[in-house]
Amino acid sequence: MSVPPLAPTGLPDSIFLTYPVVHHPAPTREALTARAGKVFDLVRNGQLTPRIGGRYALSDAARAHADLASRRTTGKLLLIP
């Protein structure tokens, strides 16, 4: 069974079509490494404090993913080996 093509112009005005745009803020690996280094320096110097929302054993990765997907967490989740 084939699906007929969708004509965006035929949709009601209450429906909005969007698409994701991903820009490459770091054009090279070297630029990415330099920018990441600056972020880690800020963390190391106490100027930036990441919010850790939970720590999970690596064996509990499925539970961490479920908690994240269900929006039961805030901040970053860490998987501890």
N, C-alpha and C. Protein backbone atom coordinates (compact mmCIF):
# COMPACT_ATOMS: atom_id res chain seq x y z
N MET A 1 0.85 -1.17 0.00
CA MET A 1 0.00 0.00 0.00
C MET A 1 0.90 1.24 0.00
N SER A 2 0.69 2.11 -0.93
CA SER A 2 1.51 3.32 -0.98
C SER A 2 0.75 4.47 -0.34
N VAL A 3 1.53 5.38 0.20
CA VAL A 3 0.96 6.55 0.88
C VAL A 3 0.96 7.70 -0.12
N PRO A 4 -0.16 8.40 -0.25
CA PRO A 4 -0.19 9.52 -1.19
C PRO A 4 0.74 10.64 -0.70
N PRO A 5 1.30 11.40 -1.59
CA PRO A 5 2.18 12.50 -1.18
C PRO A 5 1.42 13.54 -0.37
N LEU A 6 2.13 14.16 0.56
CA LEU A 6 1.54 15.18 1.41
C LEU A 6 1.84 16.55 0.81
N ALA A 7 0.81 17.33 0.61
CA ALA A 7 0.99 18.68 0.09
C ALA A 7 0.86 19.66 1.26
N PRO A 8 1.96 20.26 1.71
CA PRO A 8 1.91 21.18 2.85
C PRO A 8 0.91 22.31 2.65
N THR A 9 0.70 22.72 1.42
CA THR A 9 -0.23 23.82 1.17
C THR A 9 -1.68 23.40 1.39
N GLY A 10 -1.94 22.11 1.46
CA GLY A 10 -3.29 21.63 1.68
C GLY A 10 -3.63 21.41 3.14
N LEU A 11 -2.69 21.67 4.05
CA LEU A 11 -2.94 21.47 5.47
C LEU A 11 -3.70 22.66 6.06
N PRO A 12 -4.47 22.42 7.13
CA PRO A 12 -5.15 23.54 7.80
C PRO A 12 -4.14 24.54 8.36
N ASP A 13 -4.56 25.78 8.54
CA ASP A 13 -3.68 26.82 9.06
C ASP A 13 -3.20 26.54 10.48
N SER A 14 -3.90 25.69 11.21
CA SER A 14 -3.53 25.40 12.60
C SER A 14 -2.36 24.43 12.69
N ILE A 15 -1.92 23.89 11.58
CA ILE A 15 -0.80 22.94 11.57
C ILE A 15 0.46 23.64 11.06
N PHE A 16 1.53 23.52 11.85
CA PHE A 16 2.80 24.13 11.48
C PHE A 16 3.80 23.03 11.16
N LEU A 17 4.51 23.19 10.09
CA LEU A 17 5.57 22.27 9.73
C LEU A 17 6.91 22.91 10.09
N THR A 18 7.73 22.15 10.79
CA THR A 18 9.07 22.63 11.14
C THR A 18 10.07 21.54 10.79
N TYR A 19 11.32 21.90 10.78
CA TYR A 19 12.38 20.93 10.56
C TYR A 19 13.59 21.33 11.39
N PRO A 20 14.33 20.34 11.85
CA PRO A 20 15.50 20.65 12.67
C PRO A 20 16.63 21.20 11.81
N VAL A 21 17.39 22.08 12.40
CA VAL A 21 18.57 22.62 11.73
C VAL A 21 19.75 22.41 12.66
N VAL A 22 20.76 21.78 12.17
CA VAL A 22 21.96 21.56 12.97
C VAL A 22 23.10 22.31 12.31
N HIS A 23 23.60 23.30 13.02
CA HIS A 23 24.75 24.04 12.52
C HIS A 23 26.00 23.44 13.12
N HIS A 24 27.07 23.58 12.44
CA HIS A 24 28.34 23.07 12.95
C HIS A 24 29.12 24.25 13.52
N PRO A 25 28.95 24.50 14.84
CA PRO A 25 29.62 25.66 15.42
C PRO A 25 31.13 25.54 15.44
N ALA A 26 31.64 24.32 15.37
CA ALA A 26 33.09 24.12 15.33
C ALA A 26 33.43 23.51 13.97
N PRO A 27 34.02 24.28 13.09
CA PRO A 27 34.24 23.79 11.72
C PRO A 27 35.31 22.70 11.61
N THR A 28 36.18 22.57 12.61
CA THR A 28 37.23 21.55 12.55
C THR A 28 37.33 20.85 13.90
N ARG A 29 37.96 19.70 13.89
CA ARG A 29 38.17 18.97 15.15
C ARG A 29 39.02 19.79 16.11
N GLU A 30 40.00 20.49 15.58
CA GLU A 30 40.87 21.31 16.43
C GLU A 30 40.06 22.42 17.12
N ALA A 31 39.14 23.04 16.38
CA ALA A 31 38.30 24.08 16.96
C ALA A 31 37.39 23.50 18.05
N LEU A 32 36.84 22.31 17.80
CA LEU A 32 35.99 21.65 18.78
C LEU A 32 36.78 21.33 20.04
N THR A 33 37.98 20.80 19.87
CA THR A 33 38.83 20.45 21.01
C THR A 33 39.18 21.70 21.82
N ALA A 34 39.50 22.80 21.14
CA ALA A 34 39.83 24.04 21.83
C ALA A 34 38.63 24.56 22.62
N ARG A 35 37.45 24.54 22.03
CA ARG A 35 36.26 25.03 22.71
C ARG A 35 35.90 24.14 23.90
N ALA A 36 36.00 22.83 23.71
CA ALA A 36 35.72 21.91 24.81
C ALA A 36 36.71 22.14 25.95
N GLY A 37 37.97 22.38 25.60
CA GLY A 37 38.98 22.66 26.62
C GLY A 37 38.64 23.90 27.44
N LYS A 38 38.10 24.92 26.79
CA LYS A 38 37.69 26.14 27.50
C LYS A 38 36.55 25.85 28.48
N VAL A 39 35.61 25.02 28.05
CA VAL A 39 34.50 24.66 28.94
C VAL A 39 35.03 23.88 30.14
N PHE A 40 35.91 22.91 29.91
CA PHE A 40 36.45 22.13 31.02
C PHE A 40 37.30 23.00 31.95
N ASP A 41 37.98 23.99 31.41
CA ASP A 41 38.72 24.93 32.26
C ASP A 41 37.77 25.71 33.16
N LEU A 42 36.62 26.13 32.63
CA LEU A 42 35.64 26.85 33.44
C LEU A 42 35.12 25.97 34.58
N VAL A 43 34.90 24.70 34.29
CA VAL A 43 34.44 23.76 35.32
C VAL A 43 35.54 23.57 36.36
N ARG A 44 36.75 23.35 35.89
CA ARG A 44 37.89 23.14 36.79
C ARG A 44 38.12 24.33 37.71
N ASN A 45 37.93 25.55 37.19
CA ASN A 45 38.16 26.78 37.96
C ASN A 45 36.97 27.18 38.80
N GLY A 46 35.88 26.41 38.75
CA GLY A 46 34.70 26.72 39.55
C GLY A 46 33.83 27.83 38.99
N GLN A 47 34.10 28.25 37.76
CA GLN A 47 33.29 29.31 37.14
C GLN A 47 32.03 28.76 36.49
N LEU A 48 31.99 27.47 36.29
CA LEU A 48 30.83 26.80 35.70
C LEU A 48 30.60 25.52 36.48
N THR A 49 29.38 25.35 36.98
CA THR A 49 29.06 24.17 37.77
C THR A 49 27.94 23.41 37.08
N PRO A 50 28.26 22.27 36.49
CA PRO A 50 27.20 21.49 35.85
C PRO A 50 26.26 20.91 36.90
N ARG A 51 24.98 20.85 36.60
CA ARG A 51 23.99 20.27 37.51
C ARG A 51 23.91 18.78 37.23
N ILE A 52 24.30 17.99 38.23
CA ILE A 52 24.25 16.54 38.11
C ILE A 52 22.91 16.07 38.68
N GLY A 53 22.07 15.55 37.82
CA GLY A 53 20.73 15.14 38.23
C GLY A 53 20.66 13.72 38.75
N GLY A 54 21.66 12.93 38.50
CA GLY A 54 21.66 11.56 39.00
C GLY A 54 22.91 10.83 38.59
N ARG A 55 23.26 9.86 39.42
CA ARG A 55 24.41 9.00 39.13
C ARG A 55 23.90 7.56 39.10
N TYR A 56 24.24 6.85 38.05
CA TYR A 56 23.77 5.48 37.87
C TYR A 56 24.96 4.59 37.58
N ALA A 57 24.92 3.39 38.14
CA ALA A 57 25.92 2.39 37.76
C ALA A 57 25.73 2.09 36.27
N LEU A 58 26.81 1.77 35.60
CA LEU A 58 26.72 1.47 34.17
C LEU A 58 25.73 0.33 33.92
N SER A 59 25.66 -0.60 34.87
CA SER A 59 24.71 -1.71 34.72
C SER A 59 23.26 -1.25 34.82
N ASP A 60 23.03 -0.03 35.32
CA ASP A 60 21.68 0.54 35.41
C ASP A 60 21.40 1.55 34.31
N ALA A 61 22.11 1.44 33.20
CA ALA A 61 21.94 2.39 32.10
C ALA A 61 20.51 2.39 31.57
N ALA A 62 19.87 1.23 31.54
CA ALA A 62 18.47 1.17 31.06
C ALA A 62 17.56 1.97 31.98
N ARG A 63 17.79 1.88 33.30
CA ARG A 63 16.97 2.66 34.24
C ARG A 63 17.23 4.15 34.07
N ALA A 64 18.49 4.53 33.87
CA ALA A 64 18.83 5.94 33.65
C ALA A 64 18.11 6.46 32.41
N HIS A 65 18.11 5.67 31.35
CA HIS A 65 17.44 6.07 30.11
C HIS A 65 15.94 6.20 30.33
N ALA A 66 15.37 5.27 31.07
CA ALA A 66 13.92 5.32 31.35
C ALA A 66 13.59 6.56 32.18
N ASP A 67 14.42 6.87 33.18
CA ASP A 67 14.19 8.06 34.00
C ASP A 67 14.29 9.33 33.15
N LEU A 68 15.26 9.35 32.26
CA LEU A 68 15.43 10.51 31.38
C LEU A 68 14.23 10.64 30.45
N ALA A 69 13.82 9.55 29.85
CA ALA A 69 12.70 9.58 28.90
C ALA A 69 11.39 9.95 29.58
N SER A 70 11.24 9.60 30.85
CA SER A 70 9.99 9.89 31.56
C SER A 70 10.02 11.27 32.21
N ARG A 71 11.12 11.98 32.04
CA ARG A 71 11.27 13.35 32.57
C ARG A 71 11.26 13.38 34.10
N ARG A 72 11.77 12.30 34.72
CA ARG A 72 11.87 12.26 36.18
C ARG A 72 13.17 12.88 36.68
N THR A 73 14.00 13.36 35.79
CA THR A 73 15.31 13.88 36.18
C THR A 73 15.48 15.32 35.71
N THR A 74 16.42 15.99 36.33
CA THR A 74 16.85 17.30 35.86
C THR A 74 18.38 17.28 35.86
N GLY A 75 18.98 18.09 35.05
CA GLY A 75 20.43 18.12 34.98
C GLY A 75 20.99 16.97 34.19
N LYS A 76 22.28 16.78 34.32
CA LYS A 76 22.98 15.73 33.59
C LYS A 76 22.92 14.41 34.37
N LEU A 77 22.86 13.31 33.66
CA LEU A 77 22.93 12.00 34.29
C LEU A 77 24.30 11.40 34.01
N LEU A 78 24.90 10.84 35.04
CA LEU A 78 26.21 10.23 34.90
C LEU A 78 26.10 8.72 35.01
N LEU A 79 26.76 8.03 34.10
CA LEU A 79 26.87 6.58 34.18
C LEU A 79 28.26 6.27 34.74
N ILE A 80 28.30 5.57 35.87
CA ILE A 80 29.55 5.29 36.56
C ILE A 80 29.95 3.84 36.26
N PRO A 81 31.13 3.65 35.65
CA PRO A 81 31.57 2.27 35.36
C PRO A 81 31.87 1.49 36.63
